């Protein structure tokens, strides 16, 4: 397991003290890193969805599939 060290500024140190109140600092930092990672994945998914929403080839493919499937109420 890698050791990570960083030099927090005063504001970050205050915020970290509040976040770790009664909790292990390492656990809190792992949670924060995980949350940031998940948020990054969601942001990428939103960007991809927005890009595909405007992609003409993708729109045509969705239309073709919808036509092929017929009336969705029949399902």
PDB file of N, CA and C in Angstrom:
ATOM      1  N   UNK A   1       0.855  -1.173   0.000  1.00  0.00           N
ATOM      2  CA  UNK A   1       0.000   0.000   0.000  1.00  0.00           C
ATOM      3  C   UNK A   1       0.900   1.234   0.000  1.00  0.00           C
ATOM      4  N   UNK A   2       0.563   2.198  -0.837  1.00  0.00           N
ATOM      5  CA  UNK A   2       1.358   3.421  -0.950  1.00  0.00           C
ATOM      6  C   UNK A   2       1.016   4.400   0.166  1.00  0.00           C
ATOM      7  N   UNK A   3       2.035   5.107   0.598  1.00  0.00           N
ATOM      8  CA  UNK A   3       1.826   6.191   1.558  1.00  0.00           C
ATOM      9  C   UNK A   3       1.695   7.480   0.764  1.00  0.00           C
ATOM     10  N   UNK A   4       0.755   8.287   1.138  1.00  0.00           N
ATOM     11  CA  UNK A   4       0.560   9.570   0.488  1.00  0.00           C
ATOM     12  C   UNK A   4       0.706  10.654   1.541  1.00  0.00           C
ATOM     13  N   UNK A   5       1.449  11.664   1.213  1.00  0.00           N
ATOM     14  CA  UNK A   5       1.535  12.797   2.121  1.00  0.00           C
ATOM     15  C   UNK A   5       1.214  14.054   1.330  1.00  0.00           C
ATOM     16  N   UNK A   6       0.659  15.031   2.013  1.00  0.00           N
ATOM     17  CA  UNK A   6       0.362  16.304   1.367  1.00  0.00           C
ATOM     18  C   UNK A   6       0.479  17.408   2.400  1.00  0.00           C
ATOM     19  N   UNK A   7       0.606  18.614   1.915  1.00  0.00           N
ATOM     20  CA  UNK A   7       0.732  19.768   2.799  1.00  0.00           C
ATOM     21  C   UNK A   7      -0.519  20.627   2.656  1.00  0.00           C
ATOM     22  N   UNK A   8      -1.459  20.441   3.559  1.00  0.00           N
ATOM     23  CA  UNK A   8      -2.693  21.236   3.461  1.00  0.00           C
ATOM     24  C   UNK A   8      -2.429  22.690   3.874  1.00  0.00           C
ATOM     25  N   UNK A   9      -3.134  23.592   3.206  1.00  0.00           N
ATOM     26  CA  UNK A   9      -3.085  24.984   3.652  1.00  0.00           C
ATOM     27  C   UNK A   9      -3.968  25.101   4.895  1.00  0.00           C
ATOM     28  N   UNK A  10      -4.029  26.289   5.474  1.00  0.00           N
ATOM     29  CA  UNK A  10      -4.775  26.458   6.729  1.00  0.00           C
ATOM     30  C   UNK A  10      -6.261  26.120   6.558  1.00  0.00           C
ATOM     31  N   UNK A  11      -6.855  26.571   5.475  1.00  0.00           N
ATOM     32  CA  UNK A  11      -8.279  26.305   5.241  1.00  0.00           C
ATOM     33  C   UNK A  11      -8.527  24.807   5.102  1.00  0.00           C
ATOM     34  N   UNK A  12      -7.702  24.136   4.318  1.00  0.00           N
ATOM     35  CA  UNK A  12      -7.859  22.691   4.133  1.00  0.00           C
ATOM     36  C   UNK A  12      -7.663  21.952   5.441  1.00  0.00           C
ATOM     37  N   UNK A  13      -6.712  22.384   6.238  1.00  0.00           N
ATOM     38  CA  UNK A  13      -6.479  21.747   7.535  1.00  0.00           C
ATOM     39  C   UNK A  13      -7.701  21.901   8.437  1.00  0.00           C
ATOM     40  N   UNK A  14      -8.303  23.097   8.460  1.00  0.00           N
ATOM     41  CA  UNK A  14      -9.530  23.313   9.269  1.00  0.00           C
ATOM     42  C   UNK A  14     -10.655  22.408   8.778  1.00  0.00           C
ATOM     43  N   UNK A  15     -10.830  22.370   7.466  1.00  0.00           N
ATOM     44  CA  UNK A  15     -11.906  21.549   6.898  1.00  0.00           C
ATOM     45  C   UNK A  15     -11.681  20.071   7.186  1.00  0.00           C
ATOM     46  N   UNK A  16     -10.440  19.630   7.072  1.00  0.00           N
ATOM     47  CA  UNK A  16     -10.115  18.231   7.352  1.00  0.00           C
ATOM     48  C   UNK A  16     -10.345  17.898   8.819  1.00  0.00           C
ATOM     49  N   UNK A  17     -10.015  18.834   9.707  1.00  0.00           N
ATOM     50  CA  UNK A  17     -10.277  18.618  11.143  1.00  0.00           C
ATOM     51  C   UNK A  17     -11.768  18.402  11.384  1.00  0.00           C
ATOM     52  N   UNK A  18     -12.595  19.219  10.728  1.00  0.00           N
ATOM     53  CA  UNK A  18     -14.046  19.063  10.901  1.00  0.00           C
ATOM     54  C   UNK A  18     -14.535  17.743  10.326  1.00  0.00           C
ATOM     55  N   UNK A  19     -14.040  17.401   9.147  1.00  0.00           N
ATOM     56  CA  UNK A  19     -14.472  16.158   8.512  1.00  0.00           C
ATOM     57  C   UNK A  19     -14.039  14.921   9.286  1.00  0.00           C
ATOM     58  N   UNK A  20     -12.929  15.008   9.980  1.00  0.00           N
ATOM     59  CA  UNK A  20     -12.402  13.837  10.687  1.00  0.00           C
ATOM     60  C   UNK A  20     -12.781  13.805  12.153  1.00  0.00           C
ATOM     61  N   UNK A  21     -13.590  14.745  12.582  1.00  0.00           N
ATOM     62  CA  UNK A  21     -13.975  14.800  13.993  1.00  0.00           C
ATOM     63  C   UNK A  21     -14.488  13.440  14.458  1.00  0.00           C
ATOM     64  N   UNK A  22     -13.722  12.812  15.325  1.00  0.00           N
ATOM     65  CA  UNK A  22     -14.116  11.510  15.858  1.00  0.00           C
ATOM     66  C   UNK A  22     -13.871  10.352  14.902  1.00  0.00           C
ATOM     67  N   UNK A  23     -13.192  10.608  13.787  1.00  0.00           N
ATOM     68  CA  UNK A  23     -12.966   9.545  12.800  1.00  0.00           C
ATOM     69  C   UNK A  23     -11.490   9.496  12.421  1.00  0.00           C
ATOM     70  N   UNK A  24     -11.095   8.380  11.912  1.00  0.00           N
ATOM     71  CA  UNK A  24      -9.723   8.190  11.459  1.00  0.00           C
ATOM     72  C   UNK A  24      -9.476   9.000  10.186  1.00  0.00           C
ATOM     73  N   UNK A  25      -8.401   9.762  10.167  1.00  0.00           N
ATOM     74  CA  UNK A  25      -8.076  10.643   9.040  1.00  0.00           C
ATOM     75  C   UNK A  25      -7.914   9.856   7.732  1.00  0.00           C
ATOM     76  N   UNK A  26      -7.265   8.719   7.816  1.00  0.00           N
ATOM     77  CA  UNK A  26      -7.054   7.905   6.613  1.00  0.00           C
ATOM     78  C   UNK A  26      -8.373   7.437   6.013  1.00  0.00           C
ATOM     79  N   UNK A  27      -9.294   7.039   6.875  1.00  0.00           N
ATOM     80  CA  UNK A  27     -10.604   6.589   6.404  1.00  0.00           C
ATOM     81  C   UNK A  27     -11.333   7.725   5.701  1.00  0.00           C
ATOM     82  N   UNK A  28     -11.307   8.895   6.295  1.00  0.00           N
ATOM     83  CA  UNK A  28     -11.981  10.051   5.710  1.00  0.00           C
ATOM     84  C   UNK A  28     -11.358  10.395   4.361  1.00  0.00           C
ATOM     85  N   UNK A  29     -10.040  10.401   4.289  1.00  0.00           N
ATOM     86  CA  UNK A  29      -9.371  10.726   3.029  1.00  0.00           C
ATOM     87  C   UNK A  29      -9.691   9.696   1.949  1.00  0.00           C
ATOM     88  N   UNK A  30      -9.732   8.413   2.309  1.00  0.00           N
ATOM     89  CA  UNK A  30     -10.108   7.378   1.332  1.00  0.00           C
ATOM     90  C   UNK A  30     -11.518   7.628   0.821  1.00  0.00           C
ATOM     91  N   UNK A  31     -12.445   7.948   1.729  1.00  0.00           N
ATOM     92  CA  UNK A  31     -13.825   8.223   1.318  1.00  0.00           C
ATOM     93  C   UNK A  31     -13.899   9.420   0.376  1.00  0.00           C
ATOM     94  N   UNK A  32     -13.160  10.479   0.705  1.00  0.00           N
ATOM     95  CA  UNK A  32     -13.180  11.674  -0.138  1.00  0.00           C
ATOM     96  C   UNK A  32     -12.609  11.396  -1.525  1.00  0.00           C
ATOM     97  N   UNK A  33     -11.533  10.621  -1.588  1.00  0.00           N
ATOM     98  CA  UNK A  33     -10.951  10.269  -2.879  1.00  0.00           C
ATOM     99  C   UNK A  33     -11.940   9.426  -3.680  1.00  0.00           C
ATOM    100  N   UNK A  34     -12.577   8.464  -3.020  1.00  0.00           N
ATOM    101  CA  UNK A  34     -13.566   7.619  -3.699  1.00  0.00           C
ATOM    102  C   UNK A  34     -14.727   8.470  -4.223  1.00  0.00           C
ATOM    103  N   UNK A  35     -15.235   9.377  -3.402  1.00  0.00           N
ATOM    104  CA  UNK A  35     -16.343  10.245  -3.830  1.00  0.00           C
ATOM    105  C   UNK A  35     -15.941  11.100  -5.032  1.00  0.00           C
ATOM    106  N   UNK A  36     -14.733  11.631  -5.010  1.00  0.00           N
ATOM    107  CA  UNK A  36     -14.252  12.442  -6.134  1.00  0.00           C
ATOM    108  C   UNK A  36     -14.133  11.593  -7.396  1.00  0.00           C
ATOM    109  N   UNK A  37     -13.680  10.365  -7.247  1.00  0.00           N
ATOM    110  CA  UNK A  37     -13.545   9.462  -8.387  1.00  0.00           C
ATOM    111  C   UNK A  37     -14.917   9.134  -8.982  1.00  0.00           C
ATOM    112  N   UNK A  38     -15.871   8.796  -8.139  1.00  0.00           N
ATOM    113  CA  UNK A  38     -17.217   8.480  -8.612  1.00  0.00           C
ATOM    114  C   UNK A  38     -17.843   9.699  -9.291  1.00  0.00           C
ATOM    115  N   UNK A  39     -17.662  10.874  -8.724  1.00  0.00           N
ATOM    116  CA  UNK A  39     -18.191  12.090  -9.336  1.00  0.00           C
ATOM    117  C   UNK A  39     -17.560  12.312 -10.715  1.00  0.00           C
ATOM    118  N   UNK A  40     -16.288  12.017 -10.824  1.00  0.00           N
ATOM    119  CA  UNK A  40     -15.621  12.145 -12.130  1.00  0.00           C
ATOM    120  C   UNK A  40     -16.231  11.192 -13.148  1.00  0.00           C
ATOM    121  N   UNK A  41     -16.514   9.954 -12.733  1.00  0.00           N
ATOM    122  CA  UNK A  41     -17.153   8.993 -13.640  1.00  0.00           C
ATOM    123  C   UNK A  41     -18.531   9.481 -14.074  1.00  0.00           C
ATOM    124  N   UNK A  42     -19.328  10.000 -13.128  1.00  0.00           N
ATOM    125  CA  UNK A  42     -20.650  10.523 -13.470  1.00  0.00           C
ATOM    126  C   UNK A  42     -20.548  11.726 -14.402  1.00  0.00           C
ATOM    127  N   UNK A  43     -19.575  12.591 -14.172  1.00  0.00           N
ATOM    128  CA  UNK A  43     -19.388  13.752 -15.047  1.00  0.00           C
ATOM    129  C   UNK A  43     -19.043  13.299 -16.459  1.00  0.00           C
ATOM    130  N   UNK A  44     -18.190  12.294 -16.567  1.00  0.00           N
ATOM    131  CA  UNK A  44     -17.830  11.769 -17.886  1.00  0.00           C
ATOM    132  C   UNK A  44     -19.047  11.154 -18.566  1.00  0.00           C
ATOM    133  N   UNK A  45     -19.867  10.431 -17.799  1.00  0.00           N
ATOM    134  CA  UNK A  45     -21.077   9.831 -18.366  1.00  0.00           C
ATOM    135  C   UNK A  45     -22.043  10.911 -18.857  1.00  0.00           C
ATOM    136  N   UNK A  46     -22.174  11.999 -18.088  1.00  0.00           N
ATOM    137  CA  UNK A  46     -23.039  13.105 -18.523  1.00  0.00           C
ATOM    138  C   UNK A  46     -22.519  13.725 -19.808  1.00  0.00           C
ATOM    139  N   UNK A  47     -21.204  13.920 -19.890  1.00  0.00           N
ATOM    140  CA  UNK A  47     -20.604  14.484 -21.103  1.00  0.00           C
ATOM    141  C   UNK A  47     -20.820  13.564 -22.296  1.00  0.00           C
ATOM    142  N   UNK A  48     -20.641  12.265 -22.086  1.00  0.00           N
ATOM    143  CA  UNK A  48     -20.848  11.298 -23.166  1.00  0.00           C
ATOM    144  C   UNK A  48     -22.303  11.295 -23.626  1.00  0.00           C
ATOM    145  N   UNK A  49     -23.222  11.320 -22.669  1.00  0.00           N
ATOM    146  CA  UNK A  49     -24.648  11.321 -23.011  1.00  0.00           C
ATOM    147  C   UNK A  49     -25.017  12.579 -23.806  1.00  0.00           C
ATOM    148  N   UNK A  50     -24.480  13.713 -23.393  1.00  0.00           N
ATOM    149  CA  UNK A  50     -24.756  14.967 -24.096  1.00  0.00           C
ATOM    150  C   UNK A  50     -24.176  14.929 -25.511  1.00  0.00           C
ATOM    151  N   UNK A  51     -22.977  14.405 -25.638  1.00  0.00           N
ATOM    152  CA  UNK A  51     -22.355  14.288 -26.958  1.00  0.00           C
ATOM    153  C   UNK A  51     -23.178  13.375 -27.856  1.00  0.00           C
ATOM    154  N   UNK A  52     -23.612  12.233 -27.323  1.00  0.00           N
ATOM    155  CA  UNK A  52     -24.404  11.290 -28.117  1.00  0.00           C
ATOM    156  C   UNK A  52     -25.779  11.847 -28.457  1.00  0.00           C
ATOM    157  N   UNK A  53     -26.319  12.667 -27.570  1.00  0.00           N
ATOM    158  CA  UNK A  53     -27.634  13.258 -27.819  1.00  0.00           C
ATOM    159  C   UNK A  53     -27.624  14.110 -29.088  1.00  0.00           C
ATOM    160  N   UNK A  54     -26.469  14.675 -29.405  1.00  0.00           N
ATOM    161  CA  UNK A  54     -26.357  15.537 -30.580  1.00  0.00           C
ATOM    162  C   UNK A  54     -25.664  14.850 -31.754  1.00  0.00           C
ATOM    163  N   UNK A  55     -25.322  13.581 -31.595  1.00  0.00           N
ATOM    164  CA  UNK A  55     -24.613  12.843 -32.643  1.00  0.00           C
ATOM    165  C   UNK A  55     -25.630  12.329 -33.667  1.00  0.00           C
ATOM    166  N   UNK A  56     -25.522  12.818 -34.904  1.00  0.00           N
ATOM    167  CA  UNK A  56     -26.499  12.465 -35.945  1.00  0.00           C
ATOM    168  C   UNK A  56     -26.505  10.973 -36.254  1.00  0.00           C
ATOM    169  N   UNK A  57     -25.345  10.340 -36.293  1.00  0.00           N
ATOM    170  CA  UNK A  57     -25.288   8.903 -36.575  1.00  0.00           C
ATOM    171  C   UNK A  57     -25.964   8.114 -35.455  1.00  0.00           C
ATOM    172  N   UNK A  58     -25.765   8.539 -34.224  1.00  0.00           N
ATOM    173  CA  UNK A  58     -26.395   7.855 -33.096  1.00  0.00           C
ATOM    174  C   UNK A  58     -27.909   8.050 -33.125  1.00  0.00           C
ATOM    175  N   UNK A  59     -28.353   9.266 -33.458  1.00  0.00           N
ATOM    176  CA  UNK A  59     -29.794   9.519 -33.575  1.00  0.00           C
ATOM    177  C   UNK A  59     -30.411   8.606 -34.625  1.00  0.00           C
ATOM    178  N   UNK A  60     -29.744   8.478 -35.765  1.00  0.00           N
ATOM    179  CA  UNK A  60     -30.260   7.626 -36.844  1.00  0.00           C
ATOM    180  C   UNK A  60     -30.345   6.178 -36.388  1.00  0.00           C
ATOM    181  N   UNK A  61     -29.327   5.721 -35.664  1.00  0.00           N
ATOM    182  CA  UNK A  61     -29.327   4.342 -35.168  1.00  0.00           C
ATOM    183  C   UNK A  61     -30.457   4.122 -34.170  1.00  0.00           C
ATOM    184  N   UNK A  62     -30.677   5.076 -33.277  1.00  0.00           N
ATOM    185  CA  UNK A  62     -31.791   4.942 -32.314  1.00  0.00           C
ATOM    186  C   UNK A  62     -33.129   4.905 -33.030  1.00  0.00           C
ATOM    187  N   UNK A  63     -33.276   5.726 -34.059  1.00  0.00           N
ATOM    188  CA  UNK A  63     -34.530   5.738 -34.838  1.00  0.00           C
ATOM    189  C   UNK A  63     -34.729   4.402 -35.541  1.00  0.00           C
ATOM    190  N   UNK A  64     -33.654   3.873 -36.121  1.00  0.00           N
ATOM    191  CA  UNK A  64     -33.738   2.583 -36.810  1.00  0.00           C
ATOM    192  C   UNK A  64     -34.160   1.484 -35.835  1.00  0.00           C
ATOM    193  N   UNK A  65     -33.562   1.478 -34.653  1.00  0.00           N
ATOM    194  CA  UNK A  65     -33.901   0.462 -33.653  1.00  0.00           C
ATOM    195  C   UNK A  65     -35.341   0.614 -33.199  1.00  0.00           C
ATOM    196  N   UNK A  66     -35.765   1.857 -32.948  1.00  0.00           N
ATOM    197  CA  UNK A  66     -37.146   2.097 -32.508  1.00  0.00           C
ATOM    198  C   UNK A  66     -38.130   1.621 -33.571  1.00  0.00           C
ATOM    199  N   UNK A  67     -37.818   1.894 -34.825  1.00  0.00           N
ATOM    200  CA  UNK A  67     -38.703   1.463 -35.916  1.00  0.00           C
ATOM    201  C   UNK A  67     -38.731  -0.057 -36.000  1.00  0.00           C
ATOM    202  N   UNK A  68     -37.582  -0.670 -35.841  1.00  0.00           N
ATOM    203  CA  UNK A  68     -37.480  -2.128 -35.899  1.00  0.00           C
ATOM    204  C   UNK A  68     -38.267  -2.787 -34.770  1.00  0.00           C
ATOM    205  N   UNK A  69     -38.253  -2.162 -33.601  1.00  0.00           N
ATOM    206  CA  UNK A  69     -38.945  -2.730 -32.446  1.00  0.00           C
ATOM    207  C   UNK A  69     -40.447  -2.505 -32.522  1.00  0.00           C
ATOM    208  N   UNK A  70     -40.863  -1.521 -33.273  1.00  0.00           N
ATOM    209  CA  UNK A  70     -42.281  -1.260 -33.393  1.00  0.00           C
ATOM    210  C   UNK A  70     -42.817  -0.458 -32.213  1.00  0.00           C
ATOM    211  N   UNK A  71     -44.085  -0.592 -31.968  1.00  0.00           N
ATOM    212  CA  UNK A  71     -44.777   0.147 -30.924  1.00  0.00           C
ATOM    213  C   UNK A  71     -44.274  -0.292 -29.548  1.00  0.00           C
ATOM    214  N   UNK A  72     -43.686   0.633 -28.771  1.00  0.00           N
ATOM    215  CA  UNK A  72     -43.165   0.238 -27.443  1.00  0.00           C
ATOM    216  C   UNK A  72     -44.259  -0.200 -26.484  1.00  0.00           C
ATOM    217  N   UNK A  73     -45.496   0.237 -26.710  1.00  0.00           N
ATOM    218  CA  UNK A  73     -46.597  -0.169 -25.836  1.00  0.00           C
ATOM    219  C   UNK A  73     -46.940  -1.647 -26.034  1.00  0.00           C
ATOM    220  N   UNK A  74     -46.539  -2.193 -27.175  1.00  0.00           N
ATOM    221  CA  UNK A  74     -46.811  -3.591 -27.431  1.00  0.00           C
ATOM    222  C   UNK A  74     -45.942  -4.501 -26.570  1.00  0.00           C
ATOM    223  N   UNK A  75     -44.836  -3.960 -26.065  1.00  0.00           N
ATOM    224  CA  UNK A  75     -43.942  -4.742 -25.234  1.00  0.00           C
ATOM    225  C   UNK A  75     -44.484  -4.788 -23.843  1.00  0.00           C
TER     226      UNK A  75
END
